[in-house]
Structures are given as C-alpha cells and as structure tokens.
Amino acid sequence: AKEQVFFDTFNRFSTRSLYNWALPMGSRLYSRWEIDRLLDGADLELAE
C-alpha cells in the first residue's frame, strides 16, 4: 500500500463472543489493545 489500508474486525468484548459458541469454526475476536499492537507492528497510523 502506498497510502491507505482499510479493514474490519470482530470485537472480543461484544455479543459476537456469545455468537461464536454456535459457529462451527468460530471467529478470531480482537480487543482494542490487540488492534493497537497490530497497527504499531505494521507501521500504520489510525486515521479513523
């Protein structure tokens, strides 16, 4: 990427946690701390 990276995540502390129990594969859920760490590691600045 030259300018921008955009992505979405499912959140750890939400109703998604309950829904995950019913899923055959589950989903990876993220806390805000994990997102901040990922962005720092990738050298990305959160714009919005």
ModelCIF file with pLDDT and N, C-alpha, C, O atoms, coordinates in Angstrom:
data_MODEL
#
_entry.id   MODEL 
#
_entity.id                         1 
_entity.type                       polymer 
_entity.pdbx_number_of_molecules   1 
#
_entity_poly.entity_id                      1 
_entity_poly.type                           'polypeptide(L)' 
_entity_poly.nstd_linkage                   no 
_entity_poly.nstd_monomer                   no 
_entity_poly.pdbx_seq_one_letter_code       AKEQVFFDTFNRFSTRSLYNWALPMGSRLYSRWEIDRLLDGADLELAE 
_entity_poly.pdbx_seq_one_letter_code_can   AKEQVFFDTFNRFSTRSLYNWALPMGSRLYSRWEIDRLLDGADLELAE 
_entity_poly.pdbx_strand_id                 A 
#
loop_
_entity_poly_seq.entity_id 
_entity_poly_seq.num 
_entity_poly_seq.mon_id 
_entity_poly_seq.hetero 
1 1  ALA n 
1 2  LYS n 
1 3  GLU n 
1 4  GLN n 
1 5  VAL n 
1 6  PHE n 
1 7  PHE n 
1 8  ASP n 
1 9  THR n 
1 10 PHE n 
1 11 ASN n 
1 12 ARG n 
1 13 PHE n 
1 14 SER n 
1 15 THR n 
1 16 ARG n 
1 17 SER n 
1 18 LEU n 
1 19 TYR n 
1 20 ASN n 
1 21 TRP n 
1 22 ALA n 
1 23 LEU n 
1 24 PRO n 
1 25 MET n 
1 26 GLY n 
1 27 SER n 
1 28 ARG n 
1 29 LEU n 
1 30 TYR n 
1 31 SER n 
1 32 ARG n 
1 33 TRP n 
1 34 GLU n 
1 35 ILE n 
1 36 ASP n 
1 37 ARG n 
1 38 LEU n 
1 39 LEU n 
1 40 ASP n 
1 41 GLY n 
1 42 ALA n 
1 43 ASP n 
1 44 LEU n 
1 45 GLU n 
1 46 LEU n 
1 47 ALA n 
1 48 GLU n 
#
_struct_asym.id          A 
_struct_asym.entity_id   1 
#
loop_
_ma_qa_metric.id 
_ma_qa_metric.mode 
_ma_qa_metric.name 
_ma_qa_metric.software_group_id 
_ma_qa_metric.type 
1 global pLDDT . pLDDT 
2 local  pLDDT . pLDDT 
#
_ma_qa_metric_global.metric_id      1 
_ma_qa_metric_global.metric_value   86.19 
_ma_qa_metric_global.model_id       1 
_ma_qa_metric_global.ordinal_id     1 
#
loop_
_ma_qa_metric_local.label_asym_id 
_ma_qa_metric_local.label_comp_id 
_ma_qa_metric_local.label_seq_id 
_ma_qa_metric_local.metric_id 
_ma_qa_metric_local.metric_value 
_ma_qa_metric_local.model_id 
_ma_qa_metric_local.ordinal_id 
A ALA 1  2 98.00 1 1  
A LYS 2  2 97.00 1 2  
A GLU 3  2 97.00 1 3  
A GLN 4  2 98.00 1 4  
A VAL 5  2 98.00 1 5  
A PHE 6  2 98.00 1 6  
A PHE 7  2 98.00 1 7  
A ASP 8  2 97.00 1 8  
A THR 9  2 96.00 1 9  
A PHE 10 2 92.00 1 10 
A ASN 11 2 90.00 1 11 
A ARG 12 2 87.00 1 12 
A PHE 13 2 83.00 1 13 
A SER 14 2 79.00 1 14 
A THR 15 2 73.00 1 15 
A ARG 16 2 71.00 1 16 
A SER 17 2 67.00 1 17 
A LEU 18 2 62.00 1 18 
A TYR 19 2 62.00 1 19 
A ASN 20 2 60.00 1 20 
A TRP 21 2 55.00 1 21 
A ALA 22 2 55.00 1 22 
A LEU 23 2 60.00 1 23 
A PRO 24 2 53.00 1 24 
A MET 25 2 57.00 1 25 
A GLY 26 2 63.00 1 26 
A SER 27 2 80.00 1 27 
A ARG 28 2 88.00 1 28 
A LEU 29 2 91.00 1 29 
A TYR 30 2 94.00 1 30 
A SER 31 2 93.00 1 31 
A ARG 32 2 94.00 1 32 
A TRP 33 2 96.00 1 33 
A GLU 34 2 97.00 1 34 
A ILE 35 2 97.00 1 35 
A ASP 36 2 97.00 1 36 
A ARG 37 2 97.00 1 37 
A LEU 38 2 97.00 1 38 
A LEU 39 2 98.00 1 39 
A ASP 40 2 97.00 1 40 
A GLY 41 2 96.00 1 41 
A ALA 42 2 96.00 1 42 
A ASP 43 2 96.00 1 43 
A LEU 44 2 98.00 1 44 
A GLU 45 2 97.00 1 45 
A LEU 46 2 98.00 1 46 
A ALA 47 2 97.00 1 47 
A GLU 48 2 97.00 1 48 
#
loop_
_atom_site.group_PDB 
_atom_site.id 
_atom_site.type_symbol 
_atom_site.label_atom_id 
_atom_site.label_alt_id 
_atom_site.label_comp_id 
_atom_site.label_asym_id 
_atom_site.label_entity_id 
_atom_site.label_seq_id 
_atom_site.pdbx_PDB_ins_code 
_atom_site.Cartn_x 
_atom_site.Cartn_y 
_atom_site.Cartn_z 
_atom_site.occupancy 
_atom_site.B_iso_or_equiv 
_atom_site.pdbx_formal_charge 
_atom_site.auth_seq_id 
_atom_site.auth_comp_id 
_atom_site.auth_asym_id 
_atom_site.auth_atom_id 
_atom_site.pdbx_PDB_model_num 
ATOM 1   N N  . ALA A 1 1  ? 0.831   -1.211  0.000  1.00 98.00 ? 1  ALA A N  1 
ATOM 2   C CA . ALA A 1 1  ? 0.000   0.000   0.000  1.00 98.00 ? 1  ALA A CA 1 
ATOM 3   C C  . ALA A 1 1  ? 0.859   1.253   0.000  1.00 98.00 ? 1  ALA A C  1 
ATOM 4   O O  . ALA A 1 1  ? 1.832   1.364   0.746  1.00 98.00 ? 1  ALA A O  1 
ATOM 5   N N  . LYS A 1 2  ? 0.479   2.184   -0.848 1.00 97.00 ? 2  LYS A N  1 
ATOM 6   C CA . LYS A 1 2  ? 1.183   3.459   -0.917 1.00 97.00 ? 2  LYS A CA 1 
ATOM 7   C C  . LYS A 1 2  ? 0.617   4.473   0.073  1.00 97.00 ? 2  LYS A C  1 
ATOM 8   O O  . LYS A 1 2  ? 1.360   5.276   0.638  1.00 97.00 ? 2  LYS A O  1 
ATOM 9   N N  . GLU A 1 3  ? -0.710  4.433   0.284  1.00 97.00 ? 3  GLU A N  1 
ATOM 10  C CA . GLU A 1 3  ? -1.351  5.473   1.085  1.00 97.00 ? 3  GLU A CA 1 
ATOM 11  C C  . GLU A 1 3  ? -2.243  4.945   2.214  1.00 97.00 ? 3  GLU A C  1 
ATOM 12  O O  . GLU A 1 3  ? -2.194  5.466   3.328  1.00 97.00 ? 3  GLU A O  1 
ATOM 13  N N  . GLN A 1 4  ? -3.053  3.922   1.941  1.00 98.00 ? 4  GLN A N  1 
ATOM 14  C CA . GLN A 1 4  ? -4.157  3.590   2.844  1.00 98.00 ? 4  GLN A CA 1 
ATOM 15  C C  . GLN A 1 4  ? -4.357  2.084   2.941  1.00 98.00 ? 4  GLN A C  1 
ATOM 16  O O  . GLN A 1 4  ? -4.226  1.351   1.961  1.00 98.00 ? 4  GLN A O  1 
ATOM 17  N N  . VAL A 1 5  ? -4.684  1.644   4.166  1.00 98.00 ? 5  VAL A N  1 
ATOM 18  C CA . VAL A 1 5  ? -5.110  0.263   4.416  1.00 98.00 ? 5  VAL A CA 1 
ATOM 19  C C  . VAL A 1 5  ? -6.401  0.326   5.220  1.00 98.00 ? 5  VAL A C  1 
ATOM 20  O O  . VAL A 1 5  ? -6.474  1.015   6.238  1.00 98.00 ? 5  VAL A O  1 
ATOM 21  N N  . PHE A 1 6  ? -7.415  -0.394  4.759  1.00 98.00 ? 6  PHE A N  1 
ATOM 22  C CA . PHE A 1 6  ? -8.722  -0.400  5.428  1.00 98.00 ? 6  PHE A CA 1 
ATOM 23  C C  . PHE A 1 6  ? -9.152  -1.841  5.678  1.00 98.00 ? 6  PHE A C  1 
ATOM 24  O O  . PHE A 1 6  ? -9.055  -2.687  4.788  1.00 98.00 ? 6  PHE A O  1 
ATOM 25  N N  . PHE A 1 7  ? -9.630  -2.119  6.897  1.00 98.00 ? 7  PHE A N  1 
ATOM 26  C CA . PHE A 1 7  ? -10.075 -3.477  7.218  1.00 98.00 ? 7  PHE A CA 1 
ATOM 27  C C  . PHE A 1 7  ? -11.069 -3.438  8.365  1.00 98.00 ? 7  PHE A C  1 
ATOM 28  O O  . PHE A 1 7  ? -11.211 -2.425  9.050  1.00 98.00 ? 7  PHE A O  1 
ATOM 29  N N  . ASP A 1 8  ? -11.749 -4.551  8.561  1.00 97.00 ? 8  ASP A N  1 
ATOM 30  C CA . ASP A 1 8  ? -12.698 -4.656  9.668  1.00 97.00 ? 8  ASP A CA 1 
ATOM 31  C C  . ASP A 1 8  ? -12.334 -5.833  10.562 1.00 97.00 ? 8  ASP A C  1 
ATOM 32  O O  . ASP A 1 8  ? -11.615 -6.743  10.148 1.00 97.00 ? 8  ASP A O  1 
ATOM 33  N N  . THR A 1 9  ? -12.835 -5.807  11.786 1.00 96.00 ? 9  THR A N  1 
ATOM 34  C CA . THR A 1 9  ? -12.616 -6.897  12.741 1.00 96.00 ? 9  THR A CA 1 
ATOM 35  C C  . THR A 1 9  ? -13.879 -7.137  13.550 1.00 96.00 ? 9  THR A C  1 
ATOM 36  O O  . THR A 1 9  ? -14.742 -6.266  13.655 1.00 96.00 ? 9  THR A O  1 
ATOM 37  N N  . PHE A 1 10 ? -13.973 -8.329  14.119 1.00 92.00 ? 10 PHE A N  1 
ATOM 38  C CA . PHE A 1 10 ? -14.995 -8.638  15.118 1.00 92.00 ? 10 PHE A CA 1 
ATOM 39  C C  . PHE A 1 10 ? -14.395 -8.413  16.500 1.00 92.00 ? 10 PHE A C  1 
ATOM 40  O O  . PHE A 1 10 ? -13.225 -8.713  16.738 1.00 92.00 ? 10 PHE A O  1 
ATOM 41  N N  . ASN A 1 11 ? -15.208 -7.882  17.405 1.00 90.00 ? 11 ASN A N  1 
ATOM 42  C CA . ASN A 1 11 ? -14.696 -7.436  18.698 1.00 90.00 ? 11 ASN A CA 1 
ATOM 43  C C  . ASN A 1 11 ? -14.877 -8.468  19.800 1.00 90.00 ? 11 ASN A C  1 
ATOM 44  O O  . ASN A 1 11 ? -15.896 -9.153  19.891 1.00 90.00 ? 11 ASN A O  1 
ATOM 45  N N  . ARG A 1 12 ? -13.846 -8.550  20.632 1.00 87.00 ? 12 ARG A N  1 
ATOM 46  C CA . ARG A 1 12 ? -13.805 -9.569  21.685 1.00 87.00 ? 12 ARG A CA 1 
ATOM 47  C C  . ARG A 1 12 ? -14.883 -9.348  22.736 1.00 87.00 ? 12 ARG A C  1 
ATOM 48  O O  . ARG A 1 12 ? -15.556 -10.301 23.128 1.00 87.00 ? 12 ARG A O  1 
ATOM 49  N N  . PHE A 1 13 ? -15.060 -8.145  23.190 1.00 83.00 ? 13 PHE A N  1 
ATOM 50  C CA . PHE A 1 13 ? -15.987 -7.876  24.295 1.00 83.00 ? 13 PHE A CA 1 
ATOM 51  C C  . PHE A 1 13 ? -17.316 -7.376  23.732 1.00 83.00 ? 13 PHE A C  1 
ATOM 52  O O  . PHE A 1 13 ? -17.648 -6.196  23.836 1.00 83.00 ? 13 PHE A O  1 
ATOM 53  N N  . SER A 1 14 ? -18.063 -8.297  23.135 1.00 79.00 ? 14 SER A N  1 
ATOM 54  C CA . SER A 1 14 ? -19.310 -7.940  22.465 1.00 79.00 ? 14 SER A CA 1 
ATOM 55  C C  . SER A 1 14 ? -20.193 -9.174  22.378 1.00 79.00 ? 14 SER A C  1 
ATOM 56  O O  . SER A 1 14 ? -19.806 -10.260 22.808 1.00 79.00 ? 14 SER A O  1 
ATOM 57  N N  . THR A 1 15 ? -21.387 -8.994  21.815 1.00 73.00 ? 15 THR A N  1 
ATOM 58  C CA . THR A 1 15 ? -22.289 -10.133 21.629 1.00 73.00 ? 15 THR A CA 1 
ATOM 59  C C  . THR A 1 15 ? -21.703 -11.153 20.661 1.00 73.00 ? 15 THR A C  1 
ATOM 60  O O  . THR A 1 15 ? -22.158 -12.296 20.623 1.00 73.00 ? 15 THR A O  1 
ATOM 61  N N  . ARG A 1 16 ? -20.711 -10.761 19.886 1.00 71.00 ? 16 ARG A N  1 
ATOM 62  C CA . ARG A 1 16 ? -20.062 -11.707 18.982 1.00 71.00 ? 16 ARG A CA 1 
ATOM 63  C C  . ARG A 1 16 ? -19.449 -12.876 19.766 1.00 71.00 ? 16 ARG A C  1 
ATOM 64  O O  . ARG A 1 16 ? -19.382 -13.994 19.255 1.00 71.00 ? 16 ARG A O  1 
ATOM 65  N N  . SER A 1 17 ? -19.008 -12.627 20.984 1.00 67.00 ? 17 SER A N  1 
ATOM 66  C CA . SER A 1 17 ? -18.429 -13.688 21.808 1.00 67.00 ? 17 SER A CA 1 
ATOM 67  C C  . SER A 1 17 ? -19.444 -14.796 22.052 1.00 67.00 ? 17 SER A C  1 
ATOM 68  O O  . SER A 1 17 ? -19.100 -15.977 22.005 1.00 67.00 ? 17 SER A O  1 
ATOM 69  N N  . LEU A 1 18 ? -20.693 -14.420 22.311 1.00 62.00 ? 18 LEU A N  1 
ATOM 70  C CA . LEU A 1 18 ? -21.740 -15.406 22.530 1.00 62.00 ? 18 LEU A CA 1 
ATOM 71  C C  . LEU A 1 18 ? -22.061 -16.141 21.233 1.00 62.00 ? 18 LEU A C  1 
ATOM 72  O O  . LEU A 1 18 ? -22.232 -17.360 21.226 1.00 62.00 ? 18 LEU A O  1 
ATOM 73  N N  . TYR A 1 19 ? -22.139 -15.406 20.158 1.00 62.00 ? 19 TYR A N  1 
ATOM 74  C CA . TYR A 1 19 ? -22.459 -15.994 18.860 1.00 62.00 ? 19 TYR A CA 1 
ATOM 75  C C  . TYR A 1 19 ? -21.385 -16.990 18.428 1.00 62.00 ? 19 TYR A C  1 
ATOM 76  O O  . TYR A 1 19 ? -21.688 -17.993 17.781 1.00 62.00 ? 19 TYR A O  1 
ATOM 77  N N  . ASN A 1 20 ? -20.147 -16.717 18.781 1.00 60.00 ? 20 ASN A N  1 
ATOM 78  C CA . ASN A 1 20 ? -19.037 -17.585 18.405 1.00 60.00 ? 20 ASN A CA 1 
ATOM 79  C C  . ASN A 1 20 ? -19.219 -19.017 18.902 1.00 60.00 ? 20 ASN A C  1 
ATOM 80  O O  . ASN A 1 20 ? -18.790 -19.964 18.242 1.00 60.00 ? 20 ASN A O  1 
ATOM 81  N N  . TRP A 1 21 ? -19.839 -19.174 20.040 1.00 55.00 ? 21 TRP A N  1 
ATOM 82  C CA . TRP A 1 21 ? -20.029 -20.504 20.590 1.00 55.00 ? 21 TRP A CA 1 
ATOM 83  C C  . TRP A 1 21 ? -20.828 -21.397 19.658 1.00 55.00 ? 21 TRP A C  1 
ATOM 84  O O  . TRP A 1 21 ? -20.646 -22.614 19.656 1.00 55.00 ? 21 TRP A O  1 
ATOM 85  N N  . ALA A 1 22 ? -21.713 -20.803 18.866 1.00 55.00 ? 22 ALA A N  1 
ATOM 86  C CA . ALA A 1 22 ? -22.595 -21.580 17.988 1.00 55.00 ? 22 ALA A CA 1 
ATOM 87  C C  . ALA A 1 22 ? -21.993 -21.827 16.609 1.00 55.00 ? 22 ALA A C  1 
ATOM 88  O O  . ALA A 1 22 ? -22.561 -22.574 15.813 1.00 55.00 ? 22 ALA A O  1 
ATOM 89  N N  . LEU A 1 23 ? -20.853 -21.209 16.318 1.00 60.00 ? 23 LEU A N  1 
ATOM 90  C CA . LEU A 1 23 ? -20.265 -21.340 14.992 1.00 60.00 ? 23 LEU A CA 1 
ATOM 91  C C  . LEU A 1 23 ? -19.382 -22.577 14.909 1.00 60.00 ? 23 LEU A C  1 
ATOM 92  O O  . LEU A 1 23 ? -18.667 -22.885 15.862 1.00 60.00 ? 23 LEU A O  1 
ATOM 93  N N  . PRO A 1 24 ? -19.418 -23.293 13.788 1.00 53.00 ? 24 PRO A N  1 
ATOM 94  C CA . PRO A 1 24 ? -18.582 -24.490 13.670 1.00 53.00 ? 24 PRO A CA 1 
ATOM 95  C C  . PRO A 1 24 ? -17.085 -24.183 13.679 1.00 53.00 ? 24 PRO A C  1 
ATOM 96  O O  . PRO A 1 24 ? -16.296 -24.980 14.187 1.00 53.00 ? 24 PRO A O  1 
ATOM 97  N N  . MET A 1 25 ? -16.679 -23.024 13.117 1.00 57.00 ? 25 MET A N  1 
ATOM 98  C CA . MET A 1 25 ? -15.268 -22.667 13.077 1.00 57.00 ? 25 MET A CA 1 
ATOM 99  C C  . MET A 1 25 ? -14.909 -21.577 14.074 1.00 57.00 ? 25 MET A C  1 
ATOM 100 O O  . MET A 1 25 ? -13.738 -21.391 14.405 1.00 57.00 ? 25 MET A O  1 
ATOM 101 N N  . GLY A 1 26 ? -15.910 -20.864 14.547 1.00 63.00 ? 26 GLY A N  1 
ATOM 102 C CA . GLY A 1 26 ? -15.612 -19.729 15.401 1.00 63.00 ? 26 GLY A CA 1 
ATOM 103 C C  . GLY A 1 26 ? -15.005 -18.596 14.602 1.00 63.00 ? 26 GLY A C  1 
ATOM 104 O O  . GLY A 1 26 ? -14.858 -18.693 13.383 1.00 63.00 ? 26 GLY A O  1 
ATOM 105 N N  . SER A 1 27 ? -14.654 -17.525 15.285 1.00 80.00 ? 27 SER A N  1 
ATOM 106 C CA . SER A 1 27 ? -14.028 -16.372 14.639 1.00 80.00 ? 27 SER A CA 1 
ATOM 107 C C  . SER A 1 27 ? -12.943 -15.843 15.552 1.00 80.00 ? 27 SER A C  1 
ATOM 108 O O  . SER A 1 27 ? -13.026 -15.972 16.774 1.00 80.00 ? 27 SER A O  1 
ATOM 109 N N  . ARG A 1 28 ? -11.944 -15.258 14.963 1.00 88.00 ? 28 ARG A N  1 
ATOM 110 C CA . ARG A 1 28 ? -10.938 -14.576 15.769 1.00 88.00 ? 28 ARG A CA 1 
ATOM 111 C C  . ARG A 1 28 ? -11.514 -13.229 16.193 1.00 88.00 ? 28 ARG A C  1 
ATOM 112 O O  . ARG A 1 28 ? -11.956 -12.444 15.353 1.00 88.00 ? 28 ARG A O  1 
ATOM 113 N N  . LEU A 1 29 ? -11.509 -12.965 17.486 1.00 91.00 ? 29 LEU A N  1 
ATOM 114 C CA . LEU A 1 29 ? -12.029 -11.713 18.029 1.00 91.00 ? 29 LEU A CA 1 
ATOM 115 C C  . LEU A 1 29 ? -10.873 -10.876 18.544 1.00 91.00 ? 29 LEU A C  1 
ATOM 116 O O  . LEU A 1 29 ? -9.870  -11.412 19.015 1.00 91.00 ? 29 LEU A O  1 
ATOM 117 N N  . TYR A 1 30 ? -11.016 -9.555  18.454 1.00 94.00 ? 30 TYR A N  1 
ATOM 118 C CA . TYR A 1 30 ? -9.919  -8.645  18.769 1.00 94.00 ? 30 TYR A CA 1 
ATOM 119 C C  . TYR A 1 30 ? -10.326 -7.642  19.836 1.00 94.00 ? 30 TYR A C  1 
ATOM 120 O O  . TYR A 1 30 ? -11.425 -7.087  19.806 1.00 94.00 ? 30 TYR A O  1 
ATOM 121 N N  . SER A 1 31 ? -9.425  -7.421  20.775 1.00 93.00 ? 31 SER A N  1 
ATOM 122 C CA . SER A 1 31 ? -9.590  -6.321  21.724 1.00 93.00 ? 31 SER A CA 1 
ATOM 123 C C  . SER A 1 31 ? -8.941  -5.070  21.124 1.00 93.00 ? 31 SER A C  1 
ATOM 124 O O  . SER A 1 31 ? -8.195  -5.157  20.149 1.00 93.00 ? 31 SER A O  1 
ATOM 125 N N  . ARG A 1 32 ? -9.227  -3.925  21.707 1.00 94.00 ? 32 ARG A N  1 
ATOM 126 C CA . ARG A 1 32 ? -8.618  -2.687  21.217 1.00 94.00 ? 32 ARG A CA 1 
ATOM 127 C C  . ARG A 1 32 ? -7.101  -2.738  21.384 1.00 94.00 ? 32 ARG A C  1 
ATOM 128 O O  . ARG A 1 32 ? -6.360  -2.236  20.539 1.00 94.00 ? 32 ARG A O  1 
ATOM 129 N N  . TRP A 1 33 ? -6.649  -3.340  22.466 1.00 96.00 ? 33 TRP A N  1 
ATOM 130 C CA . TRP A 1 33 ? -5.204  -3.464  22.692 1.00 96.00 ? 33 TRP A CA 1 
ATOM 131 C C  . TRP A 1 33 ? -4.554  -4.256  21.564 1.00 96.00 ? 33 TRP A C  1 
ATOM 132 O O  . TRP A 1 33 ? -3.464  -3.902  21.112 1.00 96.00 ? 33 TRP A O  1 
ATOM 133 N N  . GLU A 1 34 ? -5.203  -5.316  21.105 1.00 97.00 ? 34 GLU A N  1 
ATOM 134 C CA . GLU A 1 34 ? -4.649  -6.119  20.014 1.00 97.00 ? 34 GLU A CA 1 
ATOM 135 C C  . GLU A 1 34 ? -4.597  -5.337  18.706 1.00 97.00 ? 34 GLU A C  1 
ATOM 136 O O  . GLU A 1 34 ? -3.639  -5.459  17.942 1.00 97.00 ? 34 GLU A O  1 
ATOM 137 N N  . ILE A 1 35 ? -5.617  -4.543  18.452 1.00 97.00 ? 35 ILE A N  1 
ATOM 138 C CA . ILE A 1 35 ? -5.616  -3.726  17.233 1.00 97.00 ? 35 ILE A CA 1 
ATOM 139 C C  . ILE A 1 35 ? -4.485  -2.702  17.272 1.00 97.00 ? 35 ILE A C  1 
ATOM 140 O O  . ILE A 1 35 ? -3.767  -2.529  16.287 1.00 97.00 ? 35 ILE A O  1 
ATOM 141 N N  . ASP A 1 36 ? -4.327  -2.028  18.400 1.00 97.00 ? 36 ASP A N  1 
ATOM 142 C CA . ASP A 1 36 ? -3.237  -1.047  18.528 1.00 97.00 ? 36 ASP A CA 1 
ATOM 143 C C  . ASP A 1 36 ? -1.884  -1.708  18.298 1.00 97.00 ? 36 ASP A C  1 
ATOM 144 O O  . ASP A 1 36 ? -1.003  -1.134  17.657 1.00 97.00 ? 36 ASP A O  1 
ATOM 145 N N  . ARG A 1 37 ? -1.726  -2.906  18.820 1.00 97.00 ? 37 ARG A N  1 
ATOM 146 C CA . ARG A 1 37 ? -0.455  -3.619  18.649 1.00 97.00 ? 37 ARG A CA 1 
ATOM 147 C C  . ARG A 1 37 ? -0.233  -3.996  17.186 1.00 97.00 ? 37 ARG A C  1 
ATOM 148 O O  . ARG A 1 37 ? 0.881   -3.886  16.674 1.00 97.00 ? 37 ARG A O  1 
ATOM 149 N N  . LEU A 1 38 ? -1.295  -4.440  16.517 1.00 97.00 ? 38 LEU A N  1 
ATOM 150 C CA . LEU A 1 38 ? -1.179  -4.790  15.099 1.00 97.00 ? 38 LEU A CA 1 
ATOM 151 C C  . LEU A 1 38 ? -0.804  -3.577  14.250 1.00 97.00 ? 38 LEU A C  1 
ATOM 152 O O  . LEU A 1 38 ? 0.051   -3.669  13.370 1.00 97.00 ? 38 LEU A O  1 
ATOM 153 N N  . LEU A 1 39 ? -1.442  -2.450  14.516 1.00 98.00 ? 39 LEU A N  1 
ATOM 154 C CA . LEU A 1 39 ? -1.152  -1.249  13.734 1.00 98.00 ? 39 LEU A CA 1 
ATOM 155 C C  . LEU A 1 39 ? 0.272   -0.770  13.974 1.00 98.00 ? 39 LEU A C  1 
ATOM 156 O O  . LEU A 1 39 ? 0.962   -0.375  13.034 1.00 98.00 ? 39 LEU A O  1 
ATOM 157 N N  . ASP A 1 40 ? 0.714   -0.801  15.221 1.00 97.00 ? 40 ASP A N  1 
ATOM 158 C CA . ASP A 1 40 ? 2.091   -0.409  15.530 1.00 97.00 ? 40 ASP A CA 1 
ATOM 159 C C  . ASP A 1 40 ? 3.087   -1.321  14.821 1.00 97.00 ? 40 ASP A C  1 
ATOM 160 O O  . ASP A 1 40 ? 4.084   -0.860  14.264 1.00 97.00 ? 40 ASP A O  1 
ATOM 161 N N  . GLY A 1 41 ? 2.803   -2.614  14.850 1.00 96.00 ? 41 GLY A N  1 
ATOM 162 C CA . GLY A 1 41 ? 3.705   -3.580  14.230 1.00 96.00 ? 41 GLY A CA 1 
ATOM 163 C C  . GLY A 1 41 ? 3.797   -3.425  12.727 1.00 96.00 ? 41 GLY A C  1 
ATOM 164 O O  . GLY A 1 41 ? 4.840   -3.692  12.132 1.00 96.00 ? 41 GLY A O  1 
ATOM 165 N N  . ALA A 1 42 ? 2.707   -2.993  12.111 1.00 96.00 ? 42 ALA A N  1 
ATOM 166 C CA . ALA A 1 42 ? 2.678   -2.813  10.650 1.00 96.00 ? 42 ALA A CA 1 
ATOM 167 C C  . ALA A 1 42 ? 3.071   -1.402  10.236 1.00 96.00 ? 42 ALA A C  1 
ATOM 168 O O  . ALA A 1 42 ? 3.116   -1.103  9.043  1.00 96.00 ? 42 ALA A O  1 
ATOM 169 N N  . ASP A 1 43 ? 3.355   -0.536  11.191 1.00 96.00 ? 43 ASP A N  1 
ATOM 170 C CA . ASP A 1 43 ? 3.725   0.852   10.899 1.00 96.00 ? 43 ASP A CA 1 
ATOM 171 C C  . ASP A 1 43 ? 2.602   1.581   10.173 1.00 96.00 ? 43 ASP A C  1 
ATOM 172 O O  . ASP A 1 43 ? 2.812   2.249   9.160  1.00 96.00 ? 43 ASP A O  1 
ATOM 173 N N  . LEU A 1 44 ? 1.387   1.426   10.733 1.00 98.00 ? 44 LEU A N  1 
ATOM 174 C CA . LEU A 1 44 ? 0.209   2.095   10.186 1.00 98.00 ? 44 LEU A CA 1 
ATOM 175 C C  . LEU A 1 44 ? -0.336  3.080   11.201 1.00 98.00 ? 44 LEU A C  1 
ATOM 176 O O  . LEU A 1 44 ? -0.329  2.813   12.403 1.00 98.00 ? 44 LEU A O  1 
ATOM 177 N N  . GLU A 1 45 ? -0.811  4.228   10.712 1.00 97.00 ? 45 GLU A N  1 
ATOM 178 C CA . GLU A 1 45 ? -1.404  5.243   11.575 1.00 97.00 ? 45 GLU A CA 1 
ATOM 179 C C  . GLU A 1 45 ? -2.925  5.187   11.469 1.00 97.00 ? 45 GLU A C  1 
ATOM 180 O O  . GLU A 1 45 ? -3.472  5.228   10.367 1.00 97.00 ? 45 GLU A O  1 
ATOM 181 N N  . LEU A 1 46 ? -3.601  5.096   12.593 1.00 98.00 ? 46 LEU A N  1 
ATOM 182 C CA . LEU A 1 46 ? -5.053  5.059   12.591 1.00 98.00 ? 46 LEU A CA 1 
ATOM 183 C C  . LEU A 1 46 ? -5.589  6.447   12.272 1.00 98.00 ? 46 LEU A C  1 
ATOM 184 O O  . LEU A 1 46 ? -5.350  7.400   13.014 1.00 98.00 ? 46 LEU A O  1 
ATOM 185 N N  . ALA A 1 47 ? -6.313  6.555   11.168 1.00 97.00 ? 47 ALA A N  1 
ATOM 186 C CA . ALA A 1 47 ? -6.883  7.843   10.757 1.00 97.00 ? 47 ALA A CA 1 
ATOM 187 C C  . ALA A 1 47 ? -8.307  7.995   11.247 1.00 97.00 ? 47 ALA A C  1 
ATOM 188 O O  . ALA A 1 47 ? -8.728  9.089   11.624 1.00 97.00 ? 47 ALA A O  1 
ATOM 189 N N  . GLU A 1 48 ? -9.057  6.892   11.242 1.00 97.00 ? 48 GLU A N  1 
ATOM 190 C CA . GLU A 1 48 ? -10.465 6.953   11.622 1.00 97.00 ? 48 GLU A CA 1 
ATOM 191 C C  . GLU A 1 48 ? -10.931 5.554   11.991 1.00 97.00 ? 48 GLU A C  1 
ATOM 192 O O  . GLU A 1 48 ? -12.095 5.365   12.345 1.00 97.00 ? 48 GLU A O  1 
#
